């Protein structure tokens, strides 16, 4: 639901501060 809202606001990408946990990525 949140992602739908930020796409509607004009976002094209979402960034994450992950470092090396491949399963989380």
PDBML (XML) file of the C-alpha atoms, coordinates in Angstrom:
<?xml version="1.0" encoding="UTF-8" ?>
<PDBx:datablock datablockName="MODEL"
   xmlns:PDBx="http://pdbml.pdb.org/schema/pdbx-v50.xsd"
   xmlns:xsi="http://www.w3.org/2001/XMLSchema-instance"
   xsi:schemaLocation="http://pdbml.pdb.org/schema/pdbx-v50.xsd pdbx-v50.xsd">
   <PDBx:atom_siteCategory>
      <PDBx:atom_site id="1">
         <PDBx:B_iso_or_equiv>0.00</PDBx:B_iso_or_equiv>
         <PDBx:Cartn_x>0.000</PDBx:Cartn_x>
         <PDBx:Cartn_y>0.000</PDBx:Cartn_y>
         <PDBx:Cartn_z>0.000</PDBx:Cartn_z>
         <PDBx:auth_asym_id>A</PDBx:auth_asym_id>
         <PDBx:auth_atom_id>CA</PDBx:auth_atom_id>
         <PDBx:auth_comp_id>UNK</PDBx:auth_comp_id>
         <PDBx:auth_seq_id>1</PDBx:auth_seq_id>
         <PDBx:group_PDB>ATOM</PDBx:group_PDB>
         <PDBx:label_alt_id xsi:nil="true" />
         <PDBx:label_asym_id>A</PDBx:label_asym_id>
         <PDBx:label_atom_id>CA</PDBx:label_atom_id>
         <PDBx:label_comp_id>UNK</PDBx:label_comp_id>
         <PDBx:label_entity_id>1</PDBx:label_entity_id>
         <PDBx:label_seq_id>1</PDBx:label_seq_id>
         <PDBx:occupancy>1.00</PDBx:occupancy>
         <PDBx:pdbx_PDB_model_num>1</PDBx:pdbx_PDB_model_num>
         <PDBx:type_symbol>C</PDBx:type_symbol>
      </PDBx:atom_site>
      <PDBx:atom_site id="2">
         <PDBx:B_iso_or_equiv>0.00</PDBx:B_iso_or_equiv>
         <PDBx:Cartn_x>2.835</PDBx:Cartn_x>
         <PDBx:Cartn_y>2.409</PDBx:Cartn_y>
         <PDBx:Cartn_z>0.873</PDBx:Cartn_z>
         <PDBx:auth_asym_id>A</PDBx:auth_asym_id>
         <PDBx:auth_atom_id>CA</PDBx:auth_atom_id>
         <PDBx:auth_comp_id>UNK</PDBx:auth_comp_id>
         <PDBx:auth_seq_id>2</PDBx:auth_seq_id>
         <PDBx:group_PDB>ATOM</PDBx:group_PDB>
         <PDBx:label_alt_id xsi:nil="true" />
         <PDBx:label_asym_id>A</PDBx:label_asym_id>
         <PDBx:label_atom_id>CA</PDBx:label_atom_id>
         <PDBx:label_comp_id>UNK</PDBx:label_comp_id>
         <PDBx:label_entity_id>1</PDBx:label_entity_id>
         <PDBx:label_seq_id>2</PDBx:label_seq_id>
         <PDBx:occupancy>1.00</PDBx:occupancy>
         <PDBx:pdbx_PDB_model_num>1</PDBx:pdbx_PDB_model_num>
         <PDBx:type_symbol>C</PDBx:type_symbol>
      </PDBx:atom_site>
      <PDBx:atom_site id="3">
         <PDBx:B_iso_or_equiv>0.00</PDBx:B_iso_or_equiv>
         <PDBx:Cartn_x>4.760</PDBx:Cartn_x>
         <PDBx:Cartn_y>1.597</PDBx:Cartn_y>
         <PDBx:Cartn_z>-2.301</PDBx:Cartn_z>
         <PDBx:auth_asym_id>A</PDBx:auth_asym_id>
         <PDBx:auth_atom_id>CA</PDBx:auth_atom_id>
         <PDBx:auth_comp_id>UNK</PDBx:auth_comp_id>
         <PDBx:auth_seq_id>3</PDBx:auth_seq_id>
         <PDBx:group_PDB>ATOM</PDBx:group_PDB>
         <PDBx:label_alt_id xsi:nil="true" />
         <PDBx:label_asym_id>A</PDBx:label_asym_id>
         <PDBx:label_atom_id>CA</PDBx:label_atom_id>
         <PDBx:label_comp_id>UNK</PDBx:label_comp_id>
         <PDBx:label_entity_id>1</PDBx:label_entity_id>
         <PDBx:label_seq_id>3</PDBx:label_seq_id>
         <PDBx:occupancy>1.00</PDBx:occupancy>
         <PDBx:pdbx_PDB_model_num>1</PDBx:pdbx_PDB_model_num>
         <PDBx:type_symbol>C</PDBx:type_symbol>
      </PDBx:atom_site>
      <PDBx:atom_site id="4">
         <PDBx:B_iso_or_equiv>0.00</PDBx:B_iso_or_equiv>
         <PDBx:Cartn_x>1.657</PDBx:Cartn_x>
         <PDBx:Cartn_y>2.270</PDBx:Cartn_y>
         <PDBx:Cartn_z>-4.398</PDBx:Cartn_z>
         <PDBx:auth_asym_id>A</PDBx:auth_asym_id>
         <PDBx:auth_atom_id>CA</PDBx:auth_atom_id>
         <PDBx:auth_comp_id>UNK</PDBx:auth_comp_id>
         <PDBx:auth_seq_id>4</PDBx:auth_seq_id>
         <PDBx:group_PDB>ATOM</PDBx:group_PDB>
         <PDBx:label_alt_id xsi:nil="true" />
         <PDBx:label_asym_id>A</PDBx:label_asym_id>
         <PDBx:label_atom_id>CA</PDBx:label_atom_id>
         <PDBx:label_comp_id>UNK</PDBx:label_comp_id>
         <PDBx:label_entity_id>1</PDBx:label_entity_id>
         <PDBx:label_seq_id>4</PDBx:label_seq_id>
         <PDBx:occupancy>1.00</PDBx:occupancy>
         <PDBx:pdbx_PDB_model_num>1</PDBx:pdbx_PDB_model_num>
         <PDBx:type_symbol>C</PDBx:type_symbol>
      </PDBx:atom_site>
      <PDBx:atom_site id="5">
         <PDBx:B_iso_or_equiv>0.00</PDBx:B_iso_or_equiv>
         <PDBx:Cartn_x>1.359</PDBx:Cartn_x>
         <PDBx:Cartn_y>5.663</PDBx:Cartn_y>
         <PDBx:Cartn_z>-2.731</PDBx:Cartn_z>
         <PDBx:auth_asym_id>A</PDBx:auth_asym_id>
         <PDBx:auth_atom_id>CA</PDBx:auth_atom_id>
         <PDBx:auth_comp_id>UNK</PDBx:auth_comp_id>
         <PDBx:auth_seq_id>5</PDBx:auth_seq_id>
         <PDBx:group_PDB>ATOM</PDBx:group_PDB>
         <PDBx:label_alt_id xsi:nil="true" />
         <PDBx:label_asym_id>A</PDBx:label_asym_id>
         <PDBx:label_atom_id>CA</PDBx:label_atom_id>
         <PDBx:label_comp_id>UNK</PDBx:label_comp_id>
         <PDBx:label_entity_id>1</PDBx:label_entity_id>
         <PDBx:label_seq_id>5</PDBx:label_seq_id>
         <PDBx:occupancy>1.00</PDBx:occupancy>
         <PDBx:pdbx_PDB_model_num>1</PDBx:pdbx_PDB_model_num>
         <PDBx:type_symbol>C</PDBx:type_symbol>
      </PDBx:atom_site>
      <PDBx:atom_site id="6">
         <PDBx:B_iso_or_equiv>0.00</PDBx:B_iso_or_equiv>
         <PDBx:Cartn_x>4.950</PDBx:Cartn_x>
         <PDBx:Cartn_y>6.721</PDBx:Cartn_y>
         <PDBx:Cartn_z>-3.311</PDBx:Cartn_z>
         <PDBx:auth_asym_id>A</PDBx:auth_asym_id>
         <PDBx:auth_atom_id>CA</PDBx:auth_atom_id>
         <PDBx:auth_comp_id>UNK</PDBx:auth_comp_id>
         <PDBx:auth_seq_id>6</PDBx:auth_seq_id>
         <PDBx:group_PDB>ATOM</PDBx:group_PDB>
         <PDBx:label_alt_id xsi:nil="true" />
         <PDBx:label_asym_id>A</PDBx:label_asym_id>
         <PDBx:label_atom_id>CA</PDBx:label_atom_id>
         <PDBx:label_comp_id>UNK</PDBx:label_comp_id>
         <PDBx:label_entity_id>1</PDBx:label_entity_id>
         <PDBx:label_seq_id>6</PDBx:label_seq_id>
         <PDBx:occupancy>1.00</PDBx:occupancy>
         <PDBx:pdbx_PDB_model_num>1</PDBx:pdbx_PDB_model_num>
         <PDBx:type_symbol>C</PDBx:type_symbol>
      </PDBx:atom_site>
      <PDBx:atom_site id="7">
         <PDBx:B_iso_or_equiv>0.00</PDBx:B_iso_or_equiv>
         <PDBx:Cartn_x>4.799</PDBx:Cartn_x>
         <PDBx:Cartn_y>5.587</PDBx:Cartn_y>
         <PDBx:Cartn_z>-6.957</PDBx:Cartn_z>
         <PDBx:auth_asym_id>A</PDBx:auth_asym_id>
         <PDBx:auth_atom_id>CA</PDBx:auth_atom_id>
         <PDBx:auth_comp_id>UNK</PDBx:auth_comp_id>
         <PDBx:auth_seq_id>7</PDBx:auth_seq_id>
         <PDBx:group_PDB>ATOM</PDBx:group_PDB>
         <PDBx:label_alt_id xsi:nil="true" />
         <PDBx:label_asym_id>A</PDBx:label_asym_id>
         <PDBx:label_atom_id>CA</PDBx:label_atom_id>
         <PDBx:label_comp_id>UNK</PDBx:label_comp_id>
         <PDBx:label_entity_id>1</PDBx:label_entity_id>
         <PDBx:label_seq_id>7</PDBx:label_seq_id>
         <PDBx:occupancy>1.00</PDBx:occupancy>
         <PDBx:pdbx_PDB_model_num>1</PDBx:pdbx_PDB_model_num>
         <PDBx:type_symbol>C</PDBx:type_symbol>
      </PDBx:atom_site>
      <PDBx:atom_site id="8">
         <PDBx:B_iso_or_equiv>0.00</PDBx:B_iso_or_equiv>
         <PDBx:Cartn_x>1.769</PDBx:Cartn_x>
         <PDBx:Cartn_y>7.839</PDBx:Cartn_y>
         <PDBx:Cartn_z>-7.339</PDBx:Cartn_z>
         <PDBx:auth_asym_id>A</PDBx:auth_asym_id>
         <PDBx:auth_atom_id>CA</PDBx:auth_atom_id>
         <PDBx:auth_comp_id>UNK</PDBx:auth_comp_id>
         <PDBx:auth_seq_id>8</PDBx:auth_seq_id>
         <PDBx:group_PDB>ATOM</PDBx:group_PDB>
         <PDBx:label_alt_id xsi:nil="true" />
         <PDBx:label_asym_id>A</PDBx:label_asym_id>
         <PDBx:label_atom_id>CA</PDBx:label_atom_id>
         <PDBx:label_comp_id>UNK</PDBx:label_comp_id>
         <PDBx:label_entity_id>1</PDBx:label_entity_id>
         <PDBx:label_seq_id>8</PDBx:label_seq_id>
         <PDBx:occupancy>1.00</PDBx:occupancy>
         <PDBx:pdbx_PDB_model_num>1</PDBx:pdbx_PDB_model_num>
         <PDBx:type_symbol>C</PDBx:type_symbol>
      </PDBx:atom_site>
      <PDBx:atom_site id="9">
         <PDBx:B_iso_or_equiv>0.00</PDBx:B_iso_or_equiv>
         <PDBx:Cartn_x>3.823</PDBx:Cartn_x>
         <PDBx:Cartn_y>10.675</PDBx:Cartn_y>
         <PDBx:Cartn_z>-5.811</PDBx:Cartn_z>
         <PDBx:auth_asym_id>A</PDBx:auth_asym_id>
         <PDBx:auth_atom_id>CA</PDBx:auth_atom_id>
         <PDBx:auth_comp_id>UNK</PDBx:auth_comp_id>
         <PDBx:auth_seq_id>9</PDBx:auth_seq_id>
         <PDBx:group_PDB>ATOM</PDBx:group_PDB>
         <PDBx:label_alt_id xsi:nil="true" />
         <PDBx:label_asym_id>A</PDBx:label_asym_id>
         <PDBx:label_atom_id>CA</PDBx:label_atom_id>
         <PDBx:label_comp_id>UNK</PDBx:label_comp_id>
         <PDBx:label_entity_id>1</PDBx:label_entity_id>
         <PDBx:label_seq_id>9</PDBx:label_seq_id>
         <PDBx:occupancy>1.00</PDBx:occupancy>
         <PDBx:pdbx_PDB_model_num>1</PDBx:pdbx_PDB_model_num>
         <PDBx:type_symbol>C</PDBx:type_symbol>
      </PDBx:atom_site>
      <PDBx:atom_site id="10">
         <PDBx:B_iso_or_equiv>0.00</PDBx:B_iso_or_equiv>
         <PDBx:Cartn_x>6.355</PDBx:Cartn_x>
         <PDBx:Cartn_y>10.368</PDBx:Cartn_y>
         <PDBx:Cartn_z>-8.648</PDBx:Cartn_z>
         <PDBx:auth_asym_id>A</PDBx:auth_asym_id>
         <PDBx:auth_atom_id>CA</PDBx:auth_atom_id>
         <PDBx:auth_comp_id>UNK</PDBx:auth_comp_id>
         <PDBx:auth_seq_id>10</PDBx:auth_seq_id>
         <PDBx:group_PDB>ATOM</PDBx:group_PDB>
         <PDBx:label_alt_id xsi:nil="true" />
         <PDBx:label_asym_id>A</PDBx:label_asym_id>
         <PDBx:label_atom_id>CA</PDBx:label_atom_id>
         <PDBx:label_comp_id>UNK</PDBx:label_comp_id>
         <PDBx:label_entity_id>1</PDBx:label_entity_id>
         <PDBx:label_seq_id>10</PDBx:label_seq_id>
         <PDBx:occupancy>1.00</PDBx:occupancy>
         <PDBx:pdbx_PDB_model_num>1</PDBx:pdbx_PDB_model_num>
         <PDBx:type_symbol>C</PDBx:type_symbol>
      </PDBx:atom_site>
      <PDBx:atom_site id="11">
         <PDBx:B_iso_or_equiv>0.00</PDBx:B_iso_or_equiv>
         <PDBx:Cartn_x>9.013</PDBx:Cartn_x>
         <PDBx:Cartn_y>8.076</PDBx:Cartn_y>
         <PDBx:Cartn_z>-7.175</PDBx:Cartn_z>
         <PDBx:auth_asym_id>A</PDBx:auth_asym_id>
         <PDBx:auth_atom_id>CA</PDBx:auth_atom_id>
         <PDBx:auth_comp_id>UNK</PDBx:auth_comp_id>
         <PDBx:auth_seq_id>11</PDBx:auth_seq_id>
         <PDBx:group_PDB>ATOM</PDBx:group_PDB>
         <PDBx:label_alt_id xsi:nil="true" />
         <PDBx:label_asym_id>A</PDBx:label_asym_id>
         <PDBx:label_atom_id>CA</PDBx:label_atom_id>
         <PDBx:label_comp_id>UNK</PDBx:label_comp_id>
         <PDBx:label_entity_id>1</PDBx:label_entity_id>
         <PDBx:label_seq_id>11</PDBx:label_seq_id>
         <PDBx:occupancy>1.00</PDBx:occupancy>
         <PDBx:pdbx_PDB_model_num>1</PDBx:pdbx_PDB_model_num>
         <PDBx:type_symbol>C</PDBx:type_symbol>
      </PDBx:atom_site>
      <PDBx:atom_site id="12">
         <PDBx:B_iso_or_equiv>0.00</PDBx:B_iso_or_equiv>
         <PDBx:Cartn_x>10.877</PDBx:Cartn_x>
         <PDBx:Cartn_y>5.809</PDBx:Cartn_y>
         <PDBx:Cartn_z>-9.587</PDBx:Cartn_z>
         <PDBx:auth_asym_id>A</PDBx:auth_asym_id>
         <PDBx:auth_atom_id>CA</PDBx:auth_atom_id>
         <PDBx:auth_comp_id>UNK</PDBx:auth_comp_id>
         <PDBx:auth_seq_id>12</PDBx:auth_seq_id>
         <PDBx:group_PDB>ATOM</PDBx:group_PDB>
         <PDBx:label_alt_id xsi:nil="true" />
         <PDBx:label_asym_id>A</PDBx:label_asym_id>
         <PDBx:label_atom_id>CA</PDBx:label_atom_id>
         <PDBx:label_comp_id>UNK</PDBx:label_comp_id>
         <PDBx:label_entity_id>1</PDBx:label_entity_id>
         <PDBx:label_seq_id>12</PDBx:label_seq_id>
         <PDBx:occupancy>1.00</PDBx:occupancy>
         <PDBx:pdbx_PDB_model_num>1</PDBx:pdbx_PDB_model_num>
         <PDBx:type_symbol>C</PDBx:type_symbol>
      </PDBx:atom_site>
      <PDBx:atom_site id="13">
         <PDBx:B_iso_or_equiv>0.00</PDBx:B_iso_or_equiv>
         <PDBx:Cartn_x>13.217</PDBx:Cartn_x>
         <PDBx:Cartn_y>4.052</PDBx:Cartn_y>
         <PDBx:Cartn_z>-7.139</PDBx:Cartn_z>
         <PDBx:auth_asym_id>A</PDBx:auth_asym_id>
         <PDBx:auth_atom_id>CA</PDBx:auth_atom_id>
         <PDBx:auth_comp_id>UNK</PDBx:auth_comp_id>
         <PDBx:auth_seq_id>13</PDBx:auth_seq_id>
         <PDBx:group_PDB>ATOM</PDBx:group_PDB>
         <PDBx:label_alt_id xsi:nil="true" />
         <PDBx:label_asym_id>A</PDBx:label_asym_id>
         <PDBx:label_atom_id>CA</PDBx:label_atom_id>
         <PDBx:label_comp_id>UNK</PDBx:label_comp_id>
         <PDBx:label_entity_id>1</PDBx:label_entity_id>
         <PDBx:label_seq_id>13</PDBx:label_seq_id>
         <PDBx:occupancy>1.00</PDBx:occupancy>
         <PDBx:pdbx_PDB_model_num>1</PDBx:pdbx_PDB_model_num>
         <PDBx:type_symbol>C</PDBx:type_symbol>
      </PDBx:atom_site>
      <PDBx:atom_site id="14">
         <PDBx:B_iso_or_equiv>0.00</PDBx:B_iso_or_equiv>
         <PDBx:Cartn_x>13.482</PDBx:Cartn_x>
         <PDBx:Cartn_y>3.044</PDBx:Cartn_y>
         <PDBx:Cartn_z>-3.501</PDBx:Cartn_z>
         <PDBx:auth_asym_id>A</PDBx:auth_asym_id>
         <PDBx:auth_atom_id>CA</PDBx:auth_atom_id>
         <PDBx:auth_comp_id>UNK</PDBx:auth_comp_id>
         <PDBx:auth_seq_id>14</PDBx:auth_seq_id>
         <PDBx:group_PDB>ATOM</PDBx:group_PDB>
         <PDBx:label_alt_id xsi:nil="true" />
         <PDBx:label_asym_id>A</PDBx:label_asym_id>
         <PDBx:label_atom_id>CA</PDBx:label_atom_id>
         <PDBx:label_comp_id>UNK</PDBx:label_comp_id>
         <PDBx:label_entity_id>1</PDBx:label_entity_id>
         <PDBx:label_seq_id>14</PDBx:label_seq_id>
         <PDBx:occupancy>1.00</PDBx:occupancy>
         <PDBx:pdbx_PDB_model_num>1</PDBx:pdbx_PDB_model_num>
         <PDBx:type_symbol>C</PDBx:type_symbol>
      </PDBx:atom_site>
      <PDBx:atom_site id="15">
         <PDBx:B_iso_or_equiv>0.00</PDBx:B_iso_or_equiv>
         <PDBx:Cartn_x>16.871</PDBx:Cartn_x>
         <PDBx:Cartn_y>2.779</PDBx:Cartn_y>
         <PDBx:Cartn_z>-1.774</PDBx:Cartn_z>
         <PDBx:auth_asym_id>A</PDBx:auth_asym_id>
         <PDBx:auth_atom_id>CA</PDBx:auth_atom_id>
         <PDBx:auth_comp_id>UNK</PDBx:auth_comp_id>
         <PDBx:auth_seq_id>15</PDBx:auth_seq_id>
         <PDBx:group_PDB>ATOM</PDBx:group_PDB>
         <PDBx:label_alt_id xsi:nil="true" />
         <PDBx:label_asym_id>A</PDBx:label_asym_id>
         <PDBx:label_atom_id>CA</PDBx:label_atom_id>
         <PDBx:label_comp_id>UNK</PDBx:label_comp_id>
         <PDBx:label_entity_id>1</PDBx:label_entity_id>
         <PDBx:label_seq_id>15</PDBx:label_seq_id>
         <PDBx:occupancy>1.00</PDBx:occupancy>
         <PDBx:pdbx_PDB_model_num>1</PDBx:pdbx_PDB_model_num>
         <PDBx:type_symbol>C</PDBx:type_symbol>
      </PDBx:atom_site>
      <PDBx:atom_site id="16">
         <PDBx:B_iso_or_equiv>0.00</PDBx:B_iso_or_equiv>
         <PDBx:Cartn_x>17.944</PDBx:Cartn_x>
         <PDBx:Cartn_y>0.531</PDBx:Cartn_y>
         <PDBx:Cartn_z>1.089</PDBx:Cartn_z>
         <PDBx:auth_asym_id>A</PDBx:auth_asym_id>
         <PDBx:auth_atom_id>CA</PDBx:auth_atom_id>
         <PDBx:auth_comp_id>UNK</PDBx:auth_comp_id>
         <PDBx:auth_seq_id>16</PDBx:auth_seq_id>
         <PDBx:group_PDB>ATOM</PDBx:group_PDB>
         <PDBx:label_alt_id xsi:nil="true" />
         <PDBx:label_asym_id>A</PDBx:label_asym_id>
         <PDBx:label_atom_id>CA</PDBx:label_atom_id>
         <PDBx:label_comp_id>UNK</PDBx:label_comp_id>
         <PDBx:label_entity_id>1</PDBx:label_entity_id>
         <PDBx:label_seq_id>16</PDBx:label_seq_id>
         <PDBx:occupancy>1.00</PDBx:occupancy>
         <PDBx:pdbx_PDB_model_num>1</PDBx:pdbx_PDB_model_num>
         <PDBx:type_symbol>C</PDBx:type_symbol>
      </PDBx:atom_site>
      <PDBx:atom_site id="17">
         <PDBx:B_iso_or_equiv>0.00</PDBx:B_iso_or_equiv>
         <PDBx:Cartn_x>20.966</PDBx:Cartn_x>
         <PDBx:Cartn_y>0.696</PDBx:Cartn_y>
         <PDBx:Cartn_z>3.387</PDBx:Cartn_z>
         <PDBx:auth_asym_id>A</PDBx:auth_asym_id>
         <PDBx:auth_atom_id>CA</PDBx:auth_atom_id>
         <PDBx:auth_comp_id>UNK</PDBx:auth_comp_id>
         <PDBx:auth_seq_id>17</PDBx:auth_seq_id>
         <PDBx:group_PDB>ATOM</PDBx:group_PDB>
         <PDBx:label_alt_id xsi:nil="true" />
         <PDBx:label_asym_id>A</PDBx:label_asym_id>
         <PDBx:label_atom_id>CA</PDBx:label_atom_id>
         <PDBx:label_comp_id>UNK</PDBx:label_comp_id>
         <PDBx:label_entity_id>1</PDBx:label_entity_id>
         <PDBx:label_seq_id>17</PDBx:label_seq_id>
         <PDBx:occupancy>1.00</PDBx:occupancy>
         <PDBx:pdbx_PDB_model_num>1</PDBx:pdbx_PDB_model_num>
         <PDBx:type_symbol>C</PDBx:type_symbol>
      </PDBx:atom_site>
      <PDBx:atom_site id="18">
         <PDBx:B_iso_or_equiv>0.00</PDBx:B_iso_or_equiv>
         <PDBx:Cartn_x>21.771</PDBx:Cartn_x>
         <PDBx:Cartn_y>-3.016</PDBx:Cartn_y>
         <PDBx:Cartn_z>3.190</PDBx:Cartn_z>
         <PDBx:auth_asym_id>A</PDBx:auth_asym_id>
         <PDBx:auth_atom_id>CA</PDBx:auth_atom_id>
         <PDBx:auth_comp_id>UNK</PDBx:auth_comp_id>
         <PDBx:auth_seq_id>18</PDBx:auth_seq_id>
         <PDBx:group_PDB>ATOM</PDBx:group_PDB>
         <PDBx:label_alt_id xsi:nil="true" />
         <PDBx:label_asym_id>A</PDBx:label_asym_id>
         <PDBx:label_atom_id>CA</PDBx:label_atom_id>
         <PDBx:label_comp_id>UNK</PDBx:label_comp_id>
         <PDBx:label_entity_id>1</PDBx:label_entity_id>
         <PDBx:label_seq_id>18</PDBx:label_seq_id>
         <PDBx:occupancy>1.00</PDBx:occupancy>
         <PDBx:pdbx_PDB_model_num>1</PDBx:pdbx_PDB_model_num>
         <PDBx:type_symbol>C</PDBx:type_symbol>
      </PDBx:atom_site>
      <PDBx:atom_site id="19">
         <PDBx:B_iso_or_equiv>0.00</PDBx:B_iso_or_equiv>
         <PDBx:Cartn_x>25.439</PDBx:Cartn_x>
         <PDBx:Cartn_y>-3.961</PDBx:Cartn_y>
         <PDBx:Cartn_z>3.159</PDBx:Cartn_z>
         <PDBx:auth_asym_id>A</PDBx:auth_asym_id>
         <PDBx:auth_atom_id>CA</PDBx:auth_atom_id>
         <PDBx:auth_comp_id>UNK</PDBx:auth_comp_id>
         <PDBx:auth_seq_id>19</PDBx:auth_seq_id>
         <PDBx:group_PDB>ATOM</PDBx:group_PDB>
         <PDBx:label_alt_id xsi:nil="true" />
         <PDBx:label_asym_id>A</PDBx:label_asym_id>
         <PDBx:label_atom_id>CA</PDBx:label_atom_id>
         <PDBx:label_comp_id>UNK</PDBx:label_comp_id>
         <PDBx:label_entity_id>1</PDBx:label_entity_id>
         <PDBx:label_seq_id>19</PDBx:label_seq_id>
         <PDBx:occupancy>1.00</PDBx:occupancy>
         <PDBx:pdbx_PDB_model_num>1</PDBx:pdbx_PDB_model_num>
         <PDBx:type_symbol>C</PDBx:type_symbol>
      </PDBx:atom_site>
      <PDBx:atom_site id="20">
         <PDBx:B_iso_or_equiv>0.00</PDBx:B_iso_or_equiv>
         <PDBx:Cartn_x>25.973</PDBx:Cartn_x>
         <PDBx:Cartn_y>-7.650</PDBx:Cartn_y>
         <PDBx:Cartn_z>2.481</PDBx:Cartn_z>
         <PDBx:auth_asym_id>A</PDBx:auth_asym_id>
         <PDBx:auth_atom_id>CA</PDBx:auth_atom_id>
         <PDBx:auth_comp_id>UNK</PDBx:auth_comp_id>
         <PDBx:auth_seq_id>20</PDBx:auth_seq_id>
         <PDBx:group_PDB>ATOM</PDBx:group_PDB>
         <PDBx:label_alt_id xsi:nil="true" />
         <PDBx:label_asym_id>A</PDBx:label_asym_id>
         <PDBx:label_atom_id>CA</PDBx:label_atom_id>
         <PDBx:label_comp_id>UNK</PDBx:label_comp_id>
         <PDBx:label_entity_id>1</PDBx:label_entity_id>
         <PDBx:label_seq_id>20</PDBx:label_seq_id>
         <PDBx:occupancy>1.00</PDBx:occupancy>
         <PDBx:pdbx_PDB_model_num>1</PDBx:pdbx_PDB_model_num>
         <PDBx:type_symbol>C</PDBx:type_symbol>
      </PDBx:atom_site>
      <PDBx:atom_site id="21">
         <PDBx:B_iso_or_equiv>0.00</PDBx:B_iso_or_equiv>
         <PDBx:Cartn_x>23.005</PDBx:Cartn_x>
         <PDBx:Cartn_y>-9.845</PDBx:Cartn_y>
         <PDBx:Cartn_z>3.457</PDBx:Cartn_z>
         <PDBx:auth_asym_id>A</PDBx:auth_asym_id>
         <PDBx:auth_atom_id>CA</PDBx:auth_atom_id>
         <PDBx:auth_comp_id>UNK</PDBx:auth_comp_id>
         <PDBx:auth_seq_id>21</PDBx:auth_seq_id>
         <PDBx:group_PDB>ATOM</PDBx:group_PDB>
         <PDBx:label_alt_id xsi:nil="true" />
         <PDBx:label_asym_id>A</PDBx:label_asym_id>
         <PDBx:label_atom_id>CA</PDBx:label_atom_id>
         <PDBx:label_comp_id>UNK</PDBx:label_comp_id>
         <PDBx:label_entity_id>1</PDBx:label_entity_id>
         <PDBx:label_seq_id>21</PDBx:label_seq_id>
         <PDBx:occupancy>1.00</PDBx:occupancy>
         <PDBx:pdbx_PDB_model_num>1</PDBx:pdbx_PDB_model_num>
         <PDBx:type_symbol>C</PDBx:type_symbol>
      </PDBx:atom_site>
      <PDBx:atom_site id="22">
         <PDBx:B_iso_or_equiv>0.00</PDBx:B_iso_or_equiv>
         <PDBx:Cartn_x>22.130</PDBx:Cartn_x>
         <PDBx:Cartn_y>-11.358</PDBx:Cartn_y>
         <PDBx:Cartn_z>0.083</PDBx:Cartn_z>
         <PDBx:auth_asym_id>A</PDBx:auth_asym_id>
         <PDBx:auth_atom_id>CA</PDBx:auth_atom_id>
         <PDBx:auth_comp_id>UNK</PDBx:auth_comp_id>
         <PDBx:auth_seq_id>22</PDBx:auth_seq_id>
         <PDBx:group_PDB>ATOM</PDBx:group_PDB>
         <PDBx:label_alt_id xsi:nil="true" />
         <PDBx:label_asym_id>A</PDBx:label_asym_id>
         <PDBx:label_atom_id>CA</PDBx:label_atom_id>
         <PDBx:label_comp_id>UNK</PDBx:label_comp_id>
         <PDBx:label_entity_id>1</PDBx:label_entity_id>
         <PDBx:label_seq_id>22</PDBx:label_seq_id>
         <PDBx:occupancy>1.00</PDBx:occupancy>
         <PDBx:pdbx_PDB_model_num>1</PDBx:pdbx_PDB_model_num>
         <PDBx:type_symbol>C</PDBx:type_symbol>
      </PDBx:atom_site>
      <PDBx:atom_site id="23">
         <PDBx:B_iso_or_equiv>0.00</PDBx:B_iso_or_equiv>
         <PDBx:Cartn_x>18.884</PDBx:Cartn_x>
         <PDBx:Cartn_y>-12.978</PDBx:Cartn_y>
         <PDBx:Cartn_z>1.275</PDBx:Cartn_z>
         <PDBx:auth_asym_id>A</PDBx:auth_asym_id>
         <PDBx:auth_atom_id>CA</PDBx:auth_atom_id>
         <PDBx:auth_comp_id>UNK</PDBx:auth_comp_id>
         <PDBx:auth_seq_id>23</PDBx:auth_seq_id>
         <PDBx:group_PDB>ATOM</PDBx:group_PDB>
         <PDBx:label_alt_id xsi:nil="true" />
         <PDBx:label_asym_id>A</PDBx:label_asym_id>
         <PDBx:label_atom_id>CA</PDBx:label_atom_id>
         <PDBx:label_comp_id>UNK</PDBx:label_comp_id>
         <PDBx:label_entity_id>1</PDBx:label_entity_id>
         <PDBx:label_seq_id>23</PDBx:label_seq_id>
         <PDBx:occupancy>1.00</PDBx:occupancy>
         <PDBx:pdbx_PDB_model_num>1</PDBx:pdbx_PDB_model_num>
         <PDBx:type_symbol>C</PDBx:type_symbol>
      </PDBx:atom_site>
      <PDBx:atom_site id="24">
         <PDBx:B_iso_or_equiv>0.00</PDBx:B_iso_or_equiv>
         <PDBx:Cartn_x>17.534</PDBx:Cartn_x>
         <PDBx:Cartn_y>-9.634</PDBx:Cartn_y>
         <PDBx:Cartn_z>2.511</PDBx:Cartn_z>
         <PDBx:auth_asym_id>A</PDBx:auth_asym_id>
         <PDBx:auth_atom_id>CA</PDBx:auth_atom_id>
         <PDBx:auth_comp_id>UNK</PDBx:auth_comp_id>
         <PDBx:auth_seq_id>24</PDBx:auth_seq_id>
         <PDBx:group_PDB>ATOM</PDBx:group_PDB>
         <PDBx:label_alt_id xsi:nil="true" />
         <PDBx:label_asym_id>A</PDBx:label_asym_id>
         <PDBx:label_atom_id>CA</PDBx:label_atom_id>
         <PDBx:label_comp_id>UNK</PDBx:label_comp_id>
         <PDBx:label_entity_id>1</PDBx:label_entity_id>
         <PDBx:label_seq_id>24</PDBx:label_seq_id>
         <PDBx:occupancy>1.00</PDBx:occupancy>
         <PDBx:pdbx_PDB_model_num>1</PDBx:pdbx_PDB_model_num>
         <PDBx:type_symbol>C</PDBx:type_symbol>
      </PDBx:atom_site>
      <PDBx:atom_site id="25">
         <PDBx:B_iso_or_equiv>0.00</PDBx:B_iso_or_equiv>
         <PDBx:Cartn_x>18.459</PDBx:Cartn_x>
         <PDBx:Cartn_y>-7.970</PDBx:Cartn_y>
         <PDBx:Cartn_z>-0.773</PDBx:Cartn_z>
         <PDBx:auth_asym_id>A</PDBx:auth_asym_id>
         <PDBx:auth_atom_id>CA</PDBx:auth_atom_id>
         <PDBx:auth_comp_id>UNK</PDBx:auth_comp_id>
         <PDBx:auth_seq_id>25</PDBx:auth_seq_id>
         <PDBx:group_PDB>ATOM</PDBx:group_PDB>
         <PDBx:label_alt_id xsi:nil="true" />
         <PDBx:label_asym_id>A</PDBx:label_asym_id>
         <PDBx:label_atom_id>CA</PDBx:label_atom_id>
         <PDBx:label_comp_id>UNK</PDBx:label_comp_id>
         <PDBx:label_entity_id>1</PDBx:label_entity_id>
         <PDBx:label_seq_id>25</PDBx:label_seq_id>
         <PDBx:occupancy>1.00</PDBx:occupancy>
         <PDBx:pdbx_PDB_model_num>1</PDBx:pdbx_PDB_model_num>
         <PDBx:type_symbol>C</PDBx:type_symbol>
      </PDBx:atom_site>
   </PDBx:atom_siteCategory>
</PDBx:datablock>
